[in-house]
mmCIF file of all heavy atoms, coordinates in Angstrom:
data_MODEL
# 
_entry.id   MODEL 
# 
loop_
_atom_site.group_PDB 
_atom_site.id 
_atom_site.type_symbol 
_atom_site.label_atom_id 
_atom_site.label_alt_id 
_atom_site.label_comp_id 
_atom_site.label_asym_id 
_atom_site.label_entity_id 
_atom_site.label_seq_id 
_atom_site.pdbx_PDB_ins_code 
_atom_site.Cartn_x 
_atom_site.Cartn_y 
_atom_site.Cartn_z 
_atom_site.occupancy 
_atom_site.B_iso_or_equiv 
_atom_site.pdbx_formal_charge 
_atom_site.auth_seq_id 
_atom_site.auth_comp_id 
_atom_site.auth_asym_id 
_atom_site.auth_atom_id 
_atom_site.pdbx_PDB_model_num 
ATOM 1   N N   . VAL A 1 1  ? 0.193   -116.337 29.180 1.00 0.00 ? 1  VAL A N   1 
ATOM 2   C CA  . VAL A 1 1  ? -0.363  -115.433 30.200 1.00 0.00 ? 1  VAL A CA  1 
ATOM 3   C C   . VAL A 1 1  ? -0.559  -116.191 31.513 1.00 0.00 ? 1  VAL A C   1 
ATOM 4   O O   . VAL A 1 1  ? -0.240  -115.677 32.591 1.00 0.00 ? 1  VAL A O   1 
ATOM 5   C CB  . VAL A 1 1  ? -1.681  -114.781 29.719 1.00 0.00 ? 1  VAL A CB  1 
ATOM 6   C CG1 . VAL A 1 1  ? -2.377  -114.059 30.863 1.00 0.00 ? 1  VAL A CG1 1 
ATOM 7   C CG2 . VAL A 1 1  ? -1.402  -113.817 28.566 1.00 0.00 ? 1  VAL A CG2 1 
ATOM 8   N N   . ILE A 1 2  ? -1.042  -117.415 31.439 1.00 0.00 ? 2  ILE A N   1 
ATOM 9   C CA  . ILE A 1 2  ? -1.240  -118.230 32.647 1.00 0.00 ? 2  ILE A CA  1 
ATOM 10  C C   . ILE A 1 2  ? 0.110   -118.493 33.325 1.00 0.00 ? 2  ILE A C   1 
ATOM 11  O O   . ILE A 1 2  ? 0.230   -118.401 34.552 1.00 0.00 ? 2  ILE A O   1 
ATOM 12  C CB  . ILE A 1 2  ? -1.971  -119.547 32.311 1.00 0.00 ? 2  ILE A CB  1 
ATOM 13  C CG1 . ILE A 1 2  ? -3.431  -119.242 31.947 1.00 0.00 ? 2  ILE A CG1 1 
ATOM 14  C CG2 . ILE A 1 2  ? -1.899  -120.529 33.473 1.00 0.00 ? 2  ILE A CG2 1 
ATOM 15  C CD1 . ILE A 1 2  ? -4.186  -120.395 31.331 1.00 0.00 ? 2  ILE A CD1 1 
ATOM 16  N N   . GLN A 1 3  ? 1.146   -118.779 32.552 1.00 0.00 ? 3  GLN A N   1 
ATOM 17  C CA  . GLN A 1 3  ? 2.471   -119.002 33.128 1.00 0.00 ? 3  GLN A CA  1 
ATOM 18  C C   . GLN A 1 3  ? 2.999   -117.741 33.813 1.00 0.00 ? 3  GLN A C   1 
ATOM 19  O O   . GLN A 1 3  ? 3.569   -117.810 34.907 1.00 0.00 ? 3  GLN A O   1 
ATOM 20  C CB  . GLN A 1 3  ? 3.453   -119.453 32.047 1.00 0.00 ? 3  GLN A CB  1 
ATOM 21  C CG  . GLN A 1 3  ? 3.250   -120.884 31.626 1.00 0.00 ? 3  GLN A CG  1 
ATOM 22  C CD  . GLN A 1 3  ? 4.192   -121.299 30.503 1.00 0.00 ? 3  GLN A CD  1 
ATOM 23  O OE1 . GLN A 1 3  ? 4.956   -120.477 29.987 1.00 0.00 ? 3  GLN A OE1 1 
ATOM 24  N NE2 . GLN A 1 3  ? 4.150   -122.575 30.143 1.00 0.00 ? 3  GLN A NE2 1 
ATOM 25  N N   . MET A 1 4  ? 2.806   -116.599 33.165 1.00 0.00 ? 4  MET A N   1 
ATOM 26  C CA  . MET A 1 4  ? 3.237   -115.338 33.787 1.00 0.00 ? 4  MET A CA  1 
ATOM 27  C C   . MET A 1 4  ? 2.495   -115.090 35.092 1.00 0.00 ? 4  MET A C   1 
ATOM 28  O O   . MET A 1 4  ? 3.089   -114.684 36.087 1.00 0.00 ? 4  MET A O   1 
ATOM 29  C CB  . MET A 1 4  ? 3.001   -114.172 32.829 1.00 0.00 ? 4  MET A CB  1 
ATOM 30  C CG  . MET A 1 4  ? 4.158   -113.901 31.942 1.00 0.00 ? 4  MET A CG  1 
ATOM 31  S SD  . MET A 1 4  ? 3.886   -112.374 31.072 1.00 0.00 ? 4  MET A SD  1 
ATOM 32  C CE  . MET A 1 4  ? 3.756   -113.031 29.442 1.00 0.00 ? 4  MET A CE  1 
ATOM 33  N N   . ALA A 1 5  ? 1.187   -115.334 35.072 1.00 0.00 ? 5  ALA A N   1 
ATOM 34  C CA  . ALA A 1 5  ? 0.391   -115.145 36.284 1.00 0.00 ? 5  ALA A CA  1 
ATOM 35  C C   . ALA A 1 5  ? 0.919   -116.037 37.406 1.00 0.00 ? 5  ALA A C   1 
ATOM 36  O O   . ALA A 1 5  ? 1.057   -115.595 38.551 1.00 0.00 ? 5  ALA A O   1 
ATOM 37  C CB  . ALA A 1 5  ? -1.077  -115.435 36.002 1.00 0.00 ? 5  ALA A CB  1 
ATOM 38  N N   . ASN A 1 6  ? 1.249   -117.266 37.086 1.00 0.00 ? 6  ASN A N   1 
ATOM 39  C CA  . ASN A 1 6  ? 1.775   -118.187 38.091 1.00 0.00 ? 6  ASN A CA  1 
ATOM 40  C C   . ASN A 1 6  ? 3.108   -117.709 38.657 1.00 0.00 ? 6  ASN A C   1 
ATOM 41  O O   . ASN A 1 6  ? 3.348   -117.812 39.862 1.00 0.00 ? 6  ASN A O   1 
ATOM 42  C CB  . ASN A 1 6  ? 1.936   -119.597 37.509 1.00 0.00 ? 6  ASN A CB  1 
ATOM 43  C CG  . ASN A 1 6  ? 0.592   -120.269 37.289 1.00 0.00 ? 6  ASN A CG  1 
ATOM 44  O OD1 . ASN A 1 6  ? -0.398  -119.925 37.934 1.00 0.00 ? 6  ASN A OD1 1 
ATOM 45  N ND2 . ASN A 1 6  ? 0.556   -121.210 36.363 1.00 0.00 ? 6  ASN A ND2 1 
ATOM 46  N N   . ILE A 1 7  ? 3.981   -117.187 37.807 1.00 0.00 ? 7  ILE A N   1 
ATOM 47  C CA  . ILE A 1 7  ? 5.276   -116.683 38.267 1.00 0.00 ? 7  ILE A CA  1 
ATOM 48  C C   . ILE A 1 7  ? 5.095   -115.558 39.283 1.00 0.00 ? 7  ILE A C   1 
ATOM 49  O O   . ILE A 1 7  ? 5.810   -115.476 40.276 1.00 0.00 ? 7  ILE A O   1 
ATOM 50  C CB  . ILE A 1 7  ? 6.130   -116.208 37.066 1.00 0.00 ? 7  ILE A CB  1 
ATOM 51  C CG1 . ILE A 1 7  ? 6.577   -117.412 36.245 1.00 0.00 ? 7  ILE A CG1 1 
ATOM 52  C CG2 . ILE A 1 7  ? 7.327   -115.386 37.532 1.00 0.00 ? 7  ILE A CG2 1 
ATOM 53  C CD1 . ILE A 1 7  ? 7.173   -117.058 34.896 1.00 0.00 ? 7  ILE A CD1 1 
ATOM 54  N N   . PHE A 1 8  ? 4.103   -114.701 39.054 1.00 0.00 ? 8  PHE A N   1 
ATOM 55  C CA  . PHE A 1 8  ? 3.845   -113.566 39.934 1.00 0.00 ? 8  PHE A CA  1 
ATOM 56  C C   . PHE A 1 8  ? 2.870   -113.907 41.074 1.00 0.00 ? 8  PHE A C   1 
ATOM 57  O O   . PHE A 1 8  ? 2.444   -113.035 41.815 1.00 0.00 ? 8  PHE A O   1 
ATOM 58  C CB  . PHE A 1 8  ? 3.287   -112.381 39.130 1.00 0.00 ? 8  PHE A CB  1 
ATOM 59  C CG  . PHE A 1 8  ? 4.341   -111.643 38.359 1.00 0.00 ? 8  PHE A CG  1 
ATOM 60  C CD1 . PHE A 1 8  ? 4.725   -112.060 37.093 1.00 0.00 ? 8  PHE A CD1 1 
ATOM 61  C CD2 . PHE A 1 8  ? 4.967   -110.533 38.909 1.00 0.00 ? 8  PHE A CD2 1 
ATOM 62  C CE1 . PHE A 1 8  ? 5.703   -111.378 36.380 1.00 0.00 ? 8  PHE A CE1 1 
ATOM 63  C CE2 . PHE A 1 8  ? 5.940   -109.849 38.210 1.00 0.00 ? 8  PHE A CE2 1 
ATOM 64  C CZ  . PHE A 1 8  ? 6.318   -110.277 36.936 1.00 0.00 ? 8  PHE A CZ  1 
ATOM 65  N N   . ARG A 1 9  ? 2.509   -115.168 41.182 1.00 0.00 ? 9  ARG A N   1 
ATOM 66  C CA  . ARG A 1 9  ? 1.522   -115.635 42.169 1.00 0.00 ? 9  ARG A CA  1 
ATOM 67  C C   . ARG A 1 9  ? 0.195   -114.895 42.031 1.00 0.00 ? 9  ARG A C   1 
ATOM 68  O O   . ARG A 1 9  ? -0.483  -114.592 43.019 1.00 0.00 ? 9  ARG A O   1 
ATOM 69  C CB  . ARG A 1 9  ? 2.068   -115.510 43.583 1.00 0.00 ? 9  ARG A CB  1 
ATOM 70  C CG  . ARG A 1 9  ? 3.221   -116.433 43.837 1.00 0.00 ? 9  ARG A CG  1 
ATOM 71  C CD  . ARG A 1 9  ? 3.569   -116.461 45.320 1.00 0.00 ? 9  ARG A CD  1 
ATOM 72  N NE  . ARG A 1 9  ? 4.685   -117.366 45.539 1.00 0.00 ? 9  ARG A NE  1 
ATOM 73  C CZ  . ARG A 1 9  ? 5.868   -116.977 45.990 1.00 0.00 ? 9  ARG A CZ  1 
ATOM 74  N NH1 . ARG A 1 9  ? 6.086   -115.717 46.283 1.00 0.00 ? 9  ARG A NH1 1 
ATOM 75  N NH2 . ARG A 1 9  ? 6.818   -117.857 46.174 1.00 0.00 ? 9  ARG A NH2 1 
ATOM 76  N N   . ALA A 1 10 ? -0.144  -114.580 40.803 1.00 0.00 ? 10 ALA A N   1 
ATOM 77  C CA  . ALA A 1 10 ? -1.438  -113.966 40.499 1.00 0.00 ? 10 ALA A CA  1 
ATOM 78  C C   . ALA A 1 10 ? -2.420  -115.090 40.188 1.00 0.00 ? 10 ALA A C   1 
ATOM 79  O O   . ALA A 1 10 ? -2.031  -116.244 40.014 1.00 0.00 ? 10 ALA A O   1 
ATOM 80  C CB  . ALA A 1 10 ? -1.296  -113.027 39.304 1.00 0.00 ? 10 ALA A CB  1 
ATOM 81  N N   . LYS A 1 11 ? -3.681  -114.764 40.105 1.00 0.00 ? 11 LYS A N   1 
ATOM 82  C CA  . LYS A 1 11 ? -4.735  -115.751 39.836 1.00 0.00 ? 11 LYS A CA  1 
ATOM 83  C C   . LYS A 1 11 ? -5.450  -115.406 38.540 1.00 0.00 ? 11 LYS A C   1 
ATOM 84  O O   . LYS A 1 11 ? -5.697  -114.234 38.250 1.00 0.00 ? 11 LYS A O   1 
ATOM 85  C CB  . LYS A 1 11 ? -5.767  -115.761 40.972 1.00 0.00 ? 11 LYS A CB  1 
ATOM 86  C CG  . LYS A 1 11 ? -5.199  -116.058 42.335 1.00 0.00 ? 11 LYS A CG  1 
ATOM 87  C CD  . LYS A 1 11 ? -4.871  -117.510 42.478 1.00 0.00 ? 11 LYS A CD  1 
ATOM 88  C CE  . LYS A 1 11 ? -4.376  -117.774 43.889 1.00 0.00 ? 11 LYS A CE  1 
ATOM 89  N NZ  . LYS A 1 11 ? -3.543  -118.918 43.985 1.00 0.00 ? 11 LYS A NZ  1 
ATOM 90  N N   . ILE A 1 12 ? -5.798  -116.423 37.804 1.00 0.00 ? 12 ILE A N   1 
ATOM 91  C CA  . ILE A 1 12 ? -6.658  -116.252 36.639 1.00 0.00 ? 12 ILE A CA  1 
ATOM 92  C C   . ILE A 1 12 ? -8.092  -116.306 37.180 1.00 0.00 ? 12 ILE A C   1 
ATOM 93  O O   . ILE A 1 12 ? -8.529  -117.316 37.735 1.00 0.00 ? 12 ILE A O   1 
ATOM 94  C CB  . ILE A 1 12 ? -6.436  -117.364 35.583 1.00 0.00 ? 12 ILE A CB  1 
ATOM 95  C CG1 . ILE A 1 12 ? -4.971  -117.398 35.137 1.00 0.00 ? 12 ILE A CG1 1 
ATOM 96  C CG2 . ILE A 1 12 ? -7.385  -117.168 34.413 1.00 0.00 ? 12 ILE A CG2 1 
ATOM 97  C CD1 . ILE A 1 12 ? -4.476  -116.130 34.489 1.00 0.00 ? 12 ILE A CD1 1 
ATOM 98  N N   . LEU A 1 13 ? -8.811  -115.198 37.046 1.00 0.00 ? 13 LEU A N   1 
ATOM 99  C CA  . LEU A 1 13 ? -10.142 -115.082 37.635 1.00 0.00 ? 13 LEU A CA  1 
ATOM 100 C C   . LEU A 1 13 ? -11.259 -115.309 36.630 1.00 0.00 ? 13 LEU A C   1 
ATOM 101 O O   . LEU A 1 13 ? -12.385 -115.629 37.011 1.00 0.00 ? 13 LEU A O   1 
ATOM 102 C CB  . LEU A 1 13 ? -10.301 -113.706 38.286 1.00 0.00 ? 13 LEU A CB  1 
ATOM 103 C CG  . LEU A 1 13 ? -9.280  -113.389 39.378 1.00 0.00 ? 13 LEU A CG  1 
ATOM 104 C CD1 . LEU A 1 13 ? -9.456  -111.969 39.867 1.00 0.00 ? 13 LEU A CD1 1 
ATOM 105 C CD2 . LEU A 1 13 ? -9.400  -114.372 40.527 1.00 0.00 ? 13 LEU A CD2 1 
ATOM 106 N N   . ASP A 1 14 ? -10.956 -115.120 35.342 1.00 0.00 ? 14 ASP A N   1 
ATOM 107 C CA  . ASP A 1 14 ? -11.974 -115.310 34.319 1.00 0.00 ? 14 ASP A CA  1 
ATOM 108 C C   . ASP A 1 14 ? -11.295 -115.700 33.009 1.00 0.00 ? 14 ASP A C   1 
ATOM 109 O O   . ASP A 1 14 ? -10.225 -115.170 32.682 1.00 0.00 ? 14 ASP A O   1 
ATOM 110 C CB  . ASP A 1 14 ? -12.790 -114.031 34.117 1.00 0.00 ? 14 ASP A CB  1 
ATOM 111 C CG  . ASP A 1 14 ? -13.952 -114.228 33.151 1.00 0.00 ? 14 ASP A CG  1 
ATOM 112 O OD1 . ASP A 1 14 ? -14.794 -115.119 33.414 1.00 0.00 ? 14 ASP A OD1 1 
ATOM 113 O OD2 . ASP A 1 14 ? -13.990 -113.521 32.137 1.00 0.00 ? 14 ASP A OD2 1 
ATOM 114 N N   . VAL A 1 15 ? -11.925 -116.615 32.290 1.00 0.00 ? 15 VAL A N   1 
ATOM 115 C CA  . VAL A 1 15 ? -11.408 -117.068 31.004 1.00 0.00 ? 15 VAL A CA  1 
ATOM 116 C C   . VAL A 1 15 ? -12.535 -117.014 29.994 1.00 0.00 ? 15 VAL A C   1 
ATOM 117 O O   . VAL A 1 15 ? -13.646 -117.467 30.258 1.00 0.00 ? 15 VAL A O   1 
ATOM 118 C CB  . VAL A 1 15 ? -10.889 -118.529 31.099 1.00 0.00 ? 15 VAL A CB  1 
ATOM 119 C CG1 . VAL A 1 15 ? -10.383 -119.020 29.749 1.00 0.00 ? 15 VAL A CG1 1 
ATOM 120 C CG2 . VAL A 1 15 ? -9.819  -118.663 32.159 1.00 0.00 ? 15 VAL A CG2 1 
ATOM 121 N N   . SER A 1 16 ? -12.244 -116.419 28.841 1.00 0.00 ? 16 SER A N   1 
ATOM 122 C CA  . SER A 1 16 ? -13.176 -116.495 27.716 1.00 0.00 ? 16 SER A CA  1 
ATOM 123 C C   . SER A 1 16 ? -12.379 -116.955 26.507 1.00 0.00 ? 16 SER A C   1 
ATOM 124 O O   . SER A 1 16 ? -11.180 -117.201 26.586 1.00 0.00 ? 16 SER A O   1 
ATOM 125 C CB  . SER A 1 16 ? -13.837 -115.133 27.457 1.00 0.00 ? 16 SER A CB  1 
ATOM 126 O OG  . SER A 1 16 ? -12.925 -114.245 26.862 1.00 0.00 ? 16 SER A OG  1 
ATOM 127 N N   . ARG A 1 17 ? -13.032 -117.067 25.373 1.00 0.00 ? 17 ARG A N   1 
ATOM 128 C CA  . ARG A 1 17 ? -12.357 -117.535 24.175 1.00 0.00 ? 17 ARG A CA  1 
ATOM 129 C C   . ARG A 1 17 ? -11.163 -116.667 23.775 1.00 0.00 ? 17 ARG A C   1 
ATOM 130 O O   . ARG A 1 17 ? -10.145 -117.178 23.318 1.00 0.00 ? 17 ARG A O   1 
ATOM 131 C CB  . ARG A 1 17 ? -13.353 -117.577 23.019 1.00 0.00 ? 17 ARG A CB  1 
ATOM 132 C CG  . ARG A 1 17 ? -13.281 -118.843 22.257 1.00 0.00 ? 17 ARG A CG  1 
ATOM 133 C CD  . ARG A 1 17 ? -14.364 -118.899 21.205 1.00 0.00 ? 17 ARG A CD  1 
ATOM 134 N NE  . ARG A 1 17 ? -15.373 -119.878 21.476 1.00 0.00 ? 17 ARG A NE  1 
ATOM 135 C CZ  . ARG A 1 17 ? -15.167 -121.180 21.417 1.00 0.00 ? 17 ARG A CZ  1 
ATOM 136 N NH1 . ARG A 1 17 ? -13.985 -121.647 21.151 1.00 0.00 ? 17 ARG A NH1 1 
ATOM 137 N NH2 . ARG A 1 17 ? -16.135 -122.013 21.640 1.00 0.00 ? 17 ARG A NH2 1 
ATOM 138 N N   . ASP A 1 18 ? -11.269 -115.369 23.981 1.00 0.00 ? 18 ASP A N   1 
ATOM 139 C CA  . ASP A 1 18 ? -10.174 -114.500 23.547 1.00 0.00 ? 18 ASP A CA  1 
ATOM 140 C C   . ASP A 1 18 ? -9.670  -113.527 24.607 1.00 0.00 ? 18 ASP A C   1 
ATOM 141 O O   . ASP A 1 18 ? -8.932  -112.601 24.300 1.00 0.00 ? 18 ASP A O   1 
ATOM 142 C CB  . ASP A 1 18 ? -10.543 -113.748 22.263 1.00 0.00 ? 18 ASP A CB  1 
ATOM 143 C CG  . ASP A 1 18 ? -11.961 -113.232 22.251 1.00 0.00 ? 18 ASP A CG  1 
ATOM 144 O OD1 . ASP A 1 18 ? -12.695 -113.485 23.203 1.00 0.00 ? 18 ASP A OD1 1 
ATOM 145 O OD2 . ASP A 1 18 ? -12.307 -112.572 21.274 1.00 0.00 ? 18 ASP A OD2 1 
ATOM 146 N N   . THR A 1 19 ? -10.027 -113.724 25.895 1.00 0.00 ? 19 THR A N   1 
ATOM 147 C CA  . THR A 1 19 ? -9.484  -112.884 26.974 1.00 0.00 ? 19 THR A CA  1 
ATOM 148 C C   . THR A 1 19 ? -9.241  -113.715 28.230 1.00 0.00 ? 19 THR A C   1 
ATOM 149 O O   . THR A 1 19 ? -9.860  -114.757 28.436 1.00 0.00 ? 19 THR A O   1 
ATOM 150 C CB  . THR A 1 19 ? -10.435 -111.721 27.365 1.00 0.00 ? 19 THR A CB  1 
ATOM 151 O OG1 . THR A 1 19 ? -11.620 -112.256 27.934 1.00 0.00 ? 19 THR A OG1 1 
ATOM 152 C CG2 . THR A 1 19 ? -10.747 -110.832 26.177 1.00 0.00 ? 19 THR A CG2 1 
ATOM 153 N N   . LEU A 1 20 ? -8.347  -113.204 29.056 1.00 0.00 ? 20 LEU A N   1 
ATOM 154 C CA  . LEU A 1 20 ? -8.114  -113.722 30.403 1.00 0.00 ? 20 LEU A CA  1 
ATOM 155 C C   . LEU A 1 20 ? -8.146  -112.532 31.355 1.00 0.00 ? 20 LEU A C   1 
ATOM 156 O O   . LEU A 1 20 ? -7.663  -111.456 31.013 1.00 0.00 ? 20 LEU A O   1 
ATOM 157 C CB  . LEU A 1 20 ? -6.747  -114.392 30.519 1.00 0.00 ? 20 LEU A CB  1 
ATOM 158 C CG  . LEU A 1 20 ? -6.529  -115.713 29.789 1.00 0.00 ? 20 LEU A CG  1 
ATOM 159 C CD1 . LEU A 1 20 ? -5.065  -116.103 29.859 1.00 0.00 ? 20 LEU A CD1 1 
ATOM 160 C CD2 . LEU A 1 20 ? -7.380  -116.803 30.400 1.00 0.00 ? 20 LEU A CD2 1 
ATOM 161 N N   . THR A 1 21 ? -8.708  -112.733 32.523 1.00 0.00 ? 21 THR A N   1 
ATOM 162 C CA  . THR A 1 21 ? -8.656  -111.698 33.552 1.00 0.00 ? 21 THR A CA  1 
ATOM 163 C C   . THR A 1 21 ? -7.786  -112.210 34.684 1.00 0.00 ? 21 THR A C   1 
ATOM 164 O O   . THR A 1 21 ? -8.043  -113.270 35.249 1.00 0.00 ? 21 THR A O   1 
ATOM 165 C CB  . THR A 1 21 ? -10.056 -111.321 34.060 1.00 0.00 ? 21 THR A CB  1 
ATOM 166 O OG1 . THR A 1 21 ? -10.840 -110.868 32.958 1.00 0.00 ? 21 THR A OG1 1 
ATOM 167 C CG2 . THR A 1 21 ? -9.983  -110.224 35.102 1.00 0.00 ? 21 THR A CG2 1 
ATOM 168 N N   . VAL A 1 22 ? -6.737  -111.440 34.969 1.00 0.00 ? 22 VAL A N   1 
ATOM 169 C CA  . VAL A 1 22 ? -5.754  -111.802 35.976 1.00 0.00 ? 22 VAL A CA  1 
ATOM 170 C C   . VAL A 1 22 ? -5.974  -110.922 37.199 1.00 0.00 ? 22 VAL A C   1 
ATOM 171 O O   . VAL A 1 22 ? -6.143  -109.706 37.077 1.00 0.00 ? 22 VAL A O   1 
ATOM 172 C CB  . VAL A 1 22 ? -4.320  -111.579 35.426 1.00 0.00 ? 22 VAL A CB  1 
ATOM 173 C CG1 . VAL A 1 22 ? -3.276  -111.933 36.466 1.00 0.00 ? 22 VAL A CG1 1 
ATOM 174 C CG2 . VAL A 1 22 ? -4.101  -112.365 34.146 1.00 0.00 ? 22 VAL A CG2 1 
ATOM 175 N N   . GLY A 1 23 ? -5.960  -111.521 38.390 1.00 0.00 ? 23 GLY A N   1 
ATOM 176 C CA  . GLY A 1 23 ? -6.025  -110.774 39.641 1.00 0.00 ? 23 GLY A CA  1 
ATOM 177 C C   . GLY A 1 23 ? -4.689  -110.878 40.346 1.00 0.00 ? 23 GLY A C   1 
ATOM 178 O O   . GLY A 1 23 ? -4.157  -111.979 40.508 1.00 0.00 ? 23 GLY A O   1 
ATOM 179 N N   . ILE A 1 24 ? -4.121  -109.750 40.749 1.00 0.00 ? 24 ILE A N   1 
ATOM 180 C CA  . ILE A 1 24 ? -2.833  -109.757 41.433 1.00 0.00 ? 24 ILE A CA  1 
ATOM 181 C C   . ILE A 1 24 ? -2.906  -108.878 42.678 1.00 0.00 ? 24 ILE A C   1 
ATOM 182 O O   . ILE A 1 24 ? -3.455  -107.779 42.650 1.00 0.00 ? 24 ILE A O   1 
ATOM 183 C CB  . ILE A 1 24 ? -1.672  -109.307 40.505 1.00 0.00 ? 24 ILE A CB  1 
ATOM 184 C CG1 . ILE A 1 24 ? -0.328  -109.407 41.233 1.00 0.00 ? 24 ILE A CG1 1 
ATOM 185 C CG2 . ILE A 1 24 ? -1.920  -107.937 39.928 1.00 0.00 ? 24 ILE A CG2 1 
ATOM 186 C CD1 . ILE A 1 24 ? 0.879   -109.289 40.334 1.00 0.00 ? 24 ILE A CD1 1 
ATOM 187 N N   . PHE A 1 25 ? -2.366  -109.405 43.770 1.00 0.00 ? 25 PHE A N   1 
ATOM 188 C CA  . PHE A 1 25 ? -2.310  -108.692 45.031 1.00 0.00 ? 25 PHE A CA  1 
ATOM 189 C C   . PHE A 1 25 ? -0.852  -108.554 45.420 1.00 0.00 ? 25 PHE A C   1 
ATOM 190 O O   . PHE A 1 25 ? -0.122  -109.538 45.452 1.00 0.00 ? 25 PHE A O   1 
ATOM 191 C CB  . PHE A 1 25 ? -3.068  -109.480 46.110 1.00 0.00 ? 25 PHE A CB  1 
ATOM 192 C CG  . PHE A 1 25 ? -3.045  -108.827 47.459 1.00 0.00 ? 25 PHE A CG  1 
ATOM 193 C CD1 . PHE A 1 25 ? -3.867  -107.754 47.730 1.00 0.00 ? 25 PHE A CD1 1 
ATOM 194 C CD2 . PHE A 1 25 ? -2.198  -109.281 48.453 1.00 0.00 ? 25 PHE A CD2 1 
ATOM 195 C CE1 . PHE A 1 25 ? -3.852  -107.143 48.974 1.00 0.00 ? 25 PHE A CE1 1 
ATOM 196 C CE2 . PHE A 1 25 ? -2.171  -108.688 49.698 1.00 0.00 ? 25 PHE A CE2 1 
ATOM 197 C CZ  . PHE A 1 25 ? -3.007  -107.609 49.956 1.00 0.00 ? 25 PHE A CZ  1 
ATOM 198 N N   . GLY A 1 26 ? -0.414  -107.320 45.676 1.00 0.00 ? 26 GLY A N   1 
ATOM 199 C CA  . GLY A 1 26 ? 0.974   -107.131 46.068 1.00 0.00 ? 26 GLY A CA  1 
ATOM 200 C C   . GLY A 1 26 ? 1.362   -105.673 46.049 1.00 0.00 ? 26 GLY A C   1 
ATOM 201 O O   . GLY A 1 26 ? 0.518   -104.788 45.923 1.00 0.00 ? 26 GLY A O   1 
ATOM 202 N N   . GLY A 1 27 ? 2.647   -105.446 46.130 1.00 0.00 ? 27 GLY A N   1 
ATOM 203 C CA  . GLY A 1 27 ? 3.175   -104.087 46.085 1.00 0.00 ? 27 GLY A CA  1 
ATOM 204 C C   . GLY A 1 27 ? 3.084   -103.501 44.688 1.00 0.00 ? 27 GLY A C   1 
ATOM 205 O O   . GLY A 1 27 ? 2.883   -104.220 43.708 1.00 0.00 ? 27 GLY A O   1 
# 
């Protein structure tokens, strides 16, 4: 998930043991 976020220039905004919250700005 972190690699995908990086490819899309998204940011990982929150990390827990079993979830990630991704923030993406774009079209």
